[in-house]
Amino acid sequence: MASPLSQVIWDDDAIPFFAVDVENWKPGKRQVIDAKTPGFPVRSLEDLPEGDYRVQAVLNRYERFTLEDGRMLLAAA
């Protein structure tokens, strides 16, 4: 079976996924995914039908670049 991340598509048939943006995450600090965490295509974990689910955590690291015009750009590290 393919990993959940590779199954993410942007239509109503998408597998449910939830995301948290973190910045300046410190060691020992917990990041929580709960009913308040936004999801797609369902908006909340509370809206998931009862069943068995696989969970995959993905952490993308970004570098911050300042452009000549002062704008900030985040790019995958």
PDB file of N, CA and C in Angstrom:
ATOM      1  N   MET A   1       0.849  -1.177   0.000  1.00  0.00           N
ATOM      2  CA  MET A   1       0.000   0.000   0.000  1.00  0.00           C
ATOM      3  C   MET A   1       0.897   1.244   0.000  1.00  0.00           C
ATOM      4  N   ALA A   2       0.543   2.240  -0.782  1.00  0.00           N
ATOM      5  CA  ALA A   2       1.330   3.472  -0.867  1.00  0.00           C
ATOM      6  C   ALA A   2       1.228   4.265   0.436  1.00  0.00           C
ATOM      7  N   SER A   3       2.252   5.067   0.702  1.00  0.00           N
ATOM      8  CA  SER A   3       2.230   5.875   1.923  1.00  0.00           C
ATOM      9  C   SER A   3       1.106   6.891   1.835  1.00  0.00           C
ATOM     10  N   PRO A   4       0.504   7.274   2.968  1.00  0.00           N
ATOM     11  CA  PRO A   4      -0.581   8.258   2.941  1.00  0.00           C
ATOM     12  C   PRO A   4      -0.184   9.564   2.255  1.00  0.00           C
ATOM     13  N   LEU A   5       1.051  10.019   2.448  1.00  0.00           N
ATOM     14  CA  LEU A   5       1.475  11.284   1.856  1.00  0.00           C
ATOM     15  C   LEU A   5       1.391  11.241   0.333  1.00  0.00           C
ATOM     16  N   SER A   6       1.714  10.096  -0.265  1.00  0.00           N
ATOM     17  CA  SER A   6       1.678  10.002  -1.724  1.00  0.00           C
ATOM     18  C   SER A   6       0.252   9.908  -2.257  1.00  0.00           C
ATOM     19  N   GLN A   7      -0.739   9.736  -1.377  1.00  0.00           N
ATOM     20  CA  GLN A   7      -2.134   9.630  -1.793  1.00  0.00           C
ATOM     21  C   GLN A   7      -2.895  10.951  -1.689  1.00  0.00           C
ATOM     22  N   VAL A   8      -2.239  12.010  -1.245  1.00  0.00           N
ATOM     23  CA  VAL A   8      -2.917  13.293  -1.082  1.00  0.00           C
ATOM     24  C   VAL A   8      -3.222  13.889  -2.445  1.00  0.00           C
ATOM     25  N   ILE A   9      -4.502  14.154  -2.672  1.00  0.00           N
ATOM     26  CA  ILE A   9      -4.959  14.828  -3.880  1.00  0.00           C
ATOM     27  C   ILE A   9      -5.907  15.937  -3.433  1.00  0.00           C
ATOM     28  N   TRP A  10      -6.172  16.898  -4.297  1.00  0.00           N
ATOM     29  CA  TRP A  10      -6.959  18.073  -3.904  1.00  0.00           C
ATOM     30  C   TRP A  10      -8.371  18.029  -4.478  1.00  0.00           C
ATOM     31  N   ASP A  11      -9.102  16.955  -4.226  1.00  0.00           N
ATOM     32  CA  ASP A  11     -10.508  16.920  -4.609  1.00  0.00           C
ATOM     33  C   ASP A  11     -11.299  16.240  -3.502  1.00  0.00           C
ATOM     34  N   ASP A  12     -12.589  16.092  -3.718  1.00  0.00           N
ATOM     35  CA  ASP A  12     -13.450  15.551  -2.666  1.00  0.00           C
ATOM     36  C   ASP A  12     -13.189  14.079  -2.363  1.00  0.00           C
ATOM     37  N   ASP A  13     -12.437  13.378  -3.233  1.00  0.00           N
ATOM     38  CA  ASP A  13     -12.103  11.973  -2.997  1.00  0.00           C
ATOM     39  C   ASP A  13     -10.770  11.819  -2.252  1.00  0.00           C
ATOM     40  N   ALA A  14     -10.196  12.913  -1.784  1.00  0.00           N
ATOM     41  CA  ALA A  14      -8.892  12.870  -1.113  1.00  0.00           C
ATOM     42  C   ALA A  14      -8.981  12.067   0.181  1.00  0.00           C
ATOM     43  N   ILE A  15      -7.868  11.421   0.516  1.00  0.00           N
ATOM     44  CA  ILE A  15      -7.805  10.819   1.842  1.00  0.00           C
ATOM     45  C   ILE A  15      -7.740  11.970   2.839  1.00  0.00           C
ATOM     46  N   PRO A  16      -8.317  11.831   4.022  1.00  0.00           N
ATOM     47  CA  PRO A  16      -8.279  12.912   5.000  1.00  0.00           C
ATOM     48  C   PRO A  16      -6.841  13.192   5.442  1.00  0.00           C
ATOM     49  N   PHE A  17      -6.501  14.484   5.521  1.00  0.00           N
ATOM     50  CA  PHE A  17      -5.212  14.849   6.091  1.00  0.00           C
ATOM     51  C   PHE A  17      -5.353  16.131   6.893  1.00  0.00           C
ATOM     52  N   PHE A  18      -4.470  16.282   7.863  1.00  0.00           N
ATOM     53  CA  PHE A  18      -4.494  17.393   8.808  1.00  0.00           C
ATOM     54  C   PHE A  18      -3.074  17.924   8.929  1.00  0.00           C
ATOM     55  N   ALA A  19      -2.951  19.222   9.170  1.00  0.00           N
ATOM     56  CA  ALA A  19      -1.619  19.816   9.190  1.00  0.00           C
ATOM     57  C   ALA A  19      -1.501  20.888  10.261  1.00  0.00           C
ATOM     58  N   VAL A  20      -0.283  21.007  10.784  1.00  0.00           N
ATOM     59  CA  VAL A  20       0.049  22.047  11.756  1.00  0.00           C
ATOM     60  C   VAL A  20       1.327  22.724  11.268  1.00  0.00           C
ATOM     61  N   ASP A  21       1.300  24.043  11.135  1.00  0.00           N
ATOM     62  CA  ASP A  21       2.508  24.798  10.823  1.00  0.00           C
ATOM     63  C   ASP A  21       3.194  25.141  12.133  1.00  0.00           C
ATOM     64  N   VAL A  22       4.480  24.879  12.203  1.00  0.00           N
ATOM     65  CA  VAL A  22       5.241  25.211  13.407  1.00  0.00           C
ATOM     66  C   VAL A  22       6.450  26.043  13.004  1.00  0.00           C
ATOM     67  N   GLU A  23       6.770  27.008  13.827  1.00  0.00           N
ATOM     68  CA  GLU A  23       7.949  27.823  13.605  1.00  0.00           C
ATOM     69  C   GLU A  23       8.623  28.001  14.953  1.00  0.00           C
ATOM     70  N   ASN A  24       9.943  27.941  14.952  1.00  0.00           N
ATOM     71  CA  ASN A  24      10.720  28.052  16.196  1.00  0.00           C
ATOM     72  C   ASN A  24      10.341  26.957  17.191  1.00  0.00           C
ATOM     73  N   TRP A  25      10.143  25.766  16.675  1.00  0.00           N
ATOM     74  CA  TRP A  25       9.773  24.626  17.511  1.00  0.00           C
ATOM     75  C   TRP A  25      10.959  24.261  18.393  1.00  0.00           C
ATOM     76  N   LYS A  26      10.750  24.218  19.672  1.00  0.00           N
ATOM     77  CA  LYS A  26      11.809  23.941  20.642  1.00  0.00           C
ATOM     78  C   LYS A  26      11.789  22.474  21.064  1.00  0.00           C
ATOM     79  N   PRO A  27      12.954  21.907  21.362  1.00  0.00           N
ATOM     80  CA  PRO A  27      13.008  20.521  21.854  1.00  0.00           C
ATOM     81  C   PRO A  27      12.136  20.362  23.097  1.00  0.00           C
ATOM     82  N   GLY A  28      11.396  19.269  23.139  1.00  0.00           N
ATOM     83  CA  GLY A  28      10.547  18.975  24.283  1.00  0.00           C
ATOM     84  C   GLY A  28       9.160  19.589  24.195  1.00  0.00           C
ATOM     85  N   LYS A  29       8.935  20.521  23.254  1.00  0.00           N
ATOM     86  CA  LYS A  29       7.615  21.128  23.108  1.00  0.00           C
ATOM     87  C   LYS A  29       6.760  20.226  22.225  1.00  0.00           C
ATOM     88  N   ARG A  30       5.553  19.930  22.668  1.00  0.00           N
ATOM     89  CA  ARG A  30       4.655  19.068  21.916  1.00  0.00           C
ATOM     90  C   ARG A  30       3.876  19.869  20.874  1.00  0.00           C
ATOM     91  N   GLN A  31       3.635  19.229  19.764  1.00  0.00           N
ATOM     92  CA  GLN A  31       2.729  19.763  18.759  1.00  0.00           C
ATOM     93  C   GLN A  31       1.531  18.814  18.729  1.00  0.00           C
ATOM     94  N   VAL A  32       0.342  19.366  18.813  1.00  0.00           N
ATOM     95  CA  VAL A  32      -0.861  18.554  18.961  1.00  0.00           C
ATOM     96  C   VAL A  32      -1.728  18.658  17.709  1.00  0.00           C
ATOM     97  N   ILE A  33      -2.206  17.518  17.263  1.00  0.00           N
ATOM     98  CA  ILE A  33      -3.220  17.472  16.217  1.00  0.00           C
ATOM     99  C   ILE A  33      -4.484  16.959  16.899  1.00  0.00           C
ATOM    100  N   ASP A  34      -5.494  17.831  16.950  1.00  0.00           N
ATOM    101  CA  ASP A  34      -6.743  17.486  17.629  1.00  0.00           C
ATOM    102  C   ASP A  34      -7.921  18.020  16.833  1.00  0.00           C
ATOM    103  N   ALA A  35      -9.097  18.074  17.442  1.00  0.00           N
ATOM    104  CA  ALA A  35     -10.312  18.491  16.742  1.00  0.00           C
ATOM    105  C   ALA A  35     -10.226  19.923  16.219  1.00  0.00           C
ATOM    106  N   LYS A  36      -9.332  20.748  16.772  1.00  0.00           N
ATOM    107  CA  LYS A  36      -9.189  22.132  16.313  1.00  0.00           C
ATOM    108  C   LYS A  36      -8.233  22.260  15.129  1.00  0.00           C
ATOM    109  N   THR A  37      -7.514  21.197  14.796  1.00  0.00           N
ATOM    110  CA  THR A  37      -6.564  21.217  13.686  1.00  0.00           C
ATOM    111  C   THR A  37      -7.313  21.163  12.364  1.00  0.00           C
ATOM    112  N   PRO A  38      -7.035  22.110  11.443  1.00  0.00           N
ATOM    113  CA  PRO A  38      -7.752  22.093  10.163  1.00  0.00           C
ATOM    114  C   PRO A  38      -7.383  20.885   9.317  1.00  0.00           C
ATOM    115  N   GLY A  39      -8.370  20.350   8.619  1.00  0.00           N
ATOM    116  CA  GLY A  39      -8.149  19.193   7.771  1.00  0.00           C
ATOM    117  C   GLY A  39      -8.799  19.357   6.413  1.00  0.00           C
ATOM    118  N   PHE A  40      -8.524  18.405   5.541  1.00  0.00           N
ATOM    119  CA  PHE A  40      -9.122  18.364   4.213  1.00  0.00           C
ATOM    120  C   PHE A  40      -9.250  16.907   3.800  1.00  0.00           C
ATOM    121  N   PRO A  41     -10.297  16.453   3.180  1.00  0.00           N
ATOM    122  CA  PRO A  41     -11.513  17.158   2.841  1.00  0.00           C
ATOM    123  C   PRO A  41     -12.476  17.315   4.016  1.00  0.00           C
ATOM    124  N   VAL A  42     -12.247  16.614   5.120  1.00  0.00           N
ATOM    125  CA  VAL A  42     -13.059  16.856   6.322  1.00  0.00           C
ATOM    126  C   VAL A  42     -12.382  17.943   7.148  1.00  0.00           C
ATOM    127  N   ARG A  43     -13.157  18.767   7.800  1.00  0.00           N
ATOM    128  CA  ARG A  43     -12.606  19.927   8.500  1.00  0.00           C
ATOM    129  C   ARG A  43     -12.051  19.604   9.877  1.00  0.00           C
ATOM    130  N   SER A  44     -12.490  18.515  10.492  1.00  0.00           N
ATOM    131  CA  SER A  44     -12.077  18.202  11.856  1.00  0.00           C
ATOM    132  C   SER A  44     -11.948  16.698  12.037  1.00  0.00           C
ATOM    133  N   LEU A  45     -11.084  16.291  12.945  1.00  0.00           N
ATOM    134  CA  LEU A  45     -10.984  14.871  13.285  1.00  0.00           C
ATOM    135  C   LEU A  45     -12.323  14.339  13.789  1.00  0.00           C
ATOM    136  N   GLU A  46     -13.122  15.210  14.384  1.00  0.00           N
ATOM    137  CA  GLU A  46     -14.441  14.790  14.871  1.00  0.00           C
ATOM    138  C   GLU A  46     -15.359  14.369  13.725  1.00  0.00           C
ATOM    139  N   ASP A  47     -15.081  14.827  12.496  1.00  0.00           N
ATOM    140  CA  ASP A  47     -15.919  14.518  11.346  1.00  0.00           C
ATOM    141  C   ASP A  47     -15.516  13.228  10.624  1.00  0.00           C
ATOM    142  N   LEU A  48     -14.429  12.595  11.065  1.00  0.00           N
ATOM    143  CA  LEU A  48     -14.009  11.333  10.437  1.00  0.00           C
ATOM    144  C   LEU A  48     -14.974  10.217  10.824  1.00  0.00           C
ATOM    145  N   PRO A  49     -15.383   9.411   9.856  1.00  0.00           N
ATOM    146  CA  PRO A  49     -16.211   8.258  10.205  1.00  0.00           C
ATOM    147  C   PRO A  49     -15.418   7.289  11.077  1.00  0.00           C
ATOM    148  N   GLU A  50     -16.120   6.541  11.890  1.00  0.00           N
ATOM    149  CA  GLU A  50     -15.469   5.543  12.725  1.00  0.00           C
ATOM    150  C   GLU A  50     -14.776   4.519  11.835  1.00  0.00           C
ATOM    151  N   GLY A  51     -13.586   4.089  12.235  1.00  0.00           N
ATOM    152  CA  GLY A  51     -12.860   3.102  11.446  1.00  0.00           C
ATOM    153  C   GLY A  51     -11.407   3.038  11.865  1.00  0.00           C
ATOM    154  N   ASP A  52     -10.634   2.269  11.123  1.00  0.00           N
ATOM    155  CA  ASP A  52      -9.199   2.136  11.365  1.00  0.00           C
ATOM    156  C   ASP A  52      -8.465   3.035  10.377  1.00  0.00           C
ATOM    157  N   TYR A  53      -7.478   3.769  10.872  1.00  0.00           N
ATOM    158  CA  TYR A  53      -6.720   4.694  10.043  1.00  0.00           C
ATOM    159  C   TYR A  53      -5.230   4.502  10.271  1.00  0.00           C
ATOM    160  N   ARG A  54      -4.427   4.757   9.238  1.00  0.00           N
ATOM    161  CA  ARG A  54      -2.968   4.812   9.362  1.00  0.00           C
ATOM    162  C   ARG A  54      -2.596   6.268   9.521  1.00  0.00           C
ATOM    163  N   VAL A  55      -1.552   6.517  10.279  1.00  0.00           N
ATOM    164  CA  VAL A  55      -1.088   7.882  10.516  1.00  0.00           C
ATOM    165  C   VAL A  55       0.353   7.994  10.061  1.00  0.00           C
ATOM    166  N   GLN A  56       0.667   9.089   9.383  1.00  0.00           N
ATOM    167  CA  GLN A  56       2.037   9.350   8.951  1.00  0.00           C
ATOM    168  C   GLN A  56       2.360  10.797   9.305  1.00  0.00           C
ATOM    169  N   ALA A  57       3.407  11.002  10.070  1.00  0.00           N
ATOM    170  CA  ALA A  57       3.865  12.352  10.395  1.00  0.00           C
ATOM    171  C   ALA A  57       4.951  12.754   9.406  1.00  0.00           C
ATOM    172  N   VAL A  58       4.863  13.976   8.904  1.00  0.00           N
ATOM    173  CA  VAL A  58       5.838  14.487   7.944  1.00  0.00           C
ATOM    174  C   VAL A  58       6.295  15.853   8.426  1.00  0.00           C
ATOM    175  N   LEU A  59       7.594  16.050   8.471  1.00  0.00           N
ATOM    176  CA  LEU A  59       8.158  17.335   8.868  1.00  0.00           C
ATOM    177  C   LEU A  59       8.949  17.888   7.699  1.00  0.00           C
ATOM    178  N   ASN A  60       8.536  19.035   7.195  1.00  0.00           N
ATOM    179  CA  ASN A  60       9.267  19.723   6.128  1.00  0.00           C
ATOM    180  C   ASN A  60      10.028  20.876   6.750  1.00  0.00           C
ATOM    181  N   ARG A  61      11.327  20.918   6.535  1.00  0.00           N
ATOM    182  CA  ARG A  61      12.142  22.027   7.021  1.00  0.00           C
ATOM    183  C   ARG A  61      12.289  23.052   5.916  1.00  0.00           C
ATOM    184  N   TYR A  62      12.182  24.314   6.290  1.00  0.00           N
ATOM    185  CA  TYR A  62      12.291  25.408   5.330  1.00  0.00           C
ATOM    186  C   TYR A  62      13.391  26.367   5.748  1.00  0.00           C
ATOM    187  N   GLU A  63      14.031  26.974   4.763  1.00  0.00           N
ATOM    188  CA  GLU A  63      14.983  28.050   5.004  1.00  0.00           C
ATOM    189  C   GLU A  63      14.333  29.353   4.623  1.00  0.00           C
ATOM    190  N   ARG A  64      14.648  30.408   5.359  1.00  0.00           N
ATOM    191  CA  ARG A  64      14.086  31.728   5.092  1.00  0.00           C
ATOM    192  C   ARG A  64      15.107  32.546   4.297  1.00  0.00           C
ATOM    193  N   PHE A  65      14.655  33.115   3.197  1.00  0.00           N
ATOM    194  CA  PHE A  65      15.496  33.970   2.362  1.00  0.00           C
ATOM    195  C   PHE A  65      14.860  35.351   2.287  1.00  0.00           C
ATOM    196  N   THR A  66      15.680  36.383   2.347  1.00  0.00           N
ATOM    197  CA  THR A  66      15.197  37.748   2.164  1.00  0.00           C
ATOM    198  C   THR A  66      15.566  38.203   0.760  1.00  0.00           C
ATOM    199  N   LEU A  67      14.555  38.563  -0.015  1.00  0.00           N
ATOM    200  CA  LEU A  67      14.776  39.019  -1.380  1.00  0.00           C
ATOM    201  C   LEU A  67      15.246  40.474  -1.373  1.00  0.00           C
ATOM    202  N   GLU A  68      15.803  40.916  -2.478  1.00  0.00           N
ATOM    203  CA  GLU A  68      16.325  42.292  -2.564  1.00  0.00           C
ATOM    204  C   GLU A  68      15.264  43.340  -2.259  1.00  0.00           C
ATOM    205  N   ASP A  69      13.991  43.019  -2.590  1.00  0.00           N
ATOM    206  CA  ASP A  69      12.930  43.994  -2.349  1.00  0.00           C
ATOM    207  C   ASP A  69      12.368  43.907  -0.929  1.00  0.00           C
ATOM    208  N   GLY A  70      12.984  43.083  -0.070  1.00  0.00           N
ATOM    209  CA  GLY A  70      12.584  42.980   1.336  1.00  0.00           C
ATOM    210  C   GLY A  70      11.585  41.886   1.629  1.00  0.00           C
ATOM    211  N   ARG A  71      11.014  41.276   0.599  1.00  0.00           N
ATOM    212  CA  ARG A  71      10.062  40.194   0.839  1.00  0.00           C
ATOM    213  C   ARG A  71      10.802  38.968   1.373  1.00  0.00           C
ATOM    214  N   MET A  72      10.078  38.170   2.174  1.00  0.00           N
ATOM    215  CA  MET A  72      10.642  36.945   2.724  1.00  0.00           C
ATOM    216  C   MET A  72      10.122  35.753   1.923  1.00  0.00           C
ATOM    217  N   LEU A  73      10.983  34.786   1.711  1.00  0.00           N
ATOM    218  CA  LEU A  73      10.631  33.577   0.981  1.00  0.00           C
ATOM    219  C   LEU A  73      11.057  32.391   1.814  1.00  0.00           C
ATOM    220  N   LEU A  74      10.144  31.427   1.978  1.00  0.00           N
ATOM    221  CA  LEU A  74      10.489  30.172   2.636  1.00  0.00           C
ATOM    222  C   LEU A  74      10.633  29.107   1.553  1.00  0.00           C
ATOM    223  N   ALA A  75      11.744  28.382   1.579  1.00  0.00           N
ATOM    224  CA  ALA A  75      12.000  27.343   0.588  1.00  0.00           C
ATOM    225  C   ALA A  75      12.406  26.069   1.315  1.00  0.00           C
ATOM    226  N   ALA A  76      11.993  24.929   0.778  1.00  0.00           N
ATOM    227  CA  ALA A  76      12.345  23.647   1.380  1.00  0.00           C
ATOM    228  C   ALA A  76      13.865  23.526   1.481  1.00  0.00           C
ATOM    229  N   ALA A  77      14.305  23.092   2.646  1.00  0.00           N
ATOM    230  CA  ALA A  77      15.740  22.947   2.888  1.00  0.00           C
ATOM    231  C   ALA A  77      16.272  21.677   2.278  1.00  0.00           C
TER     232      ALA A  77
END
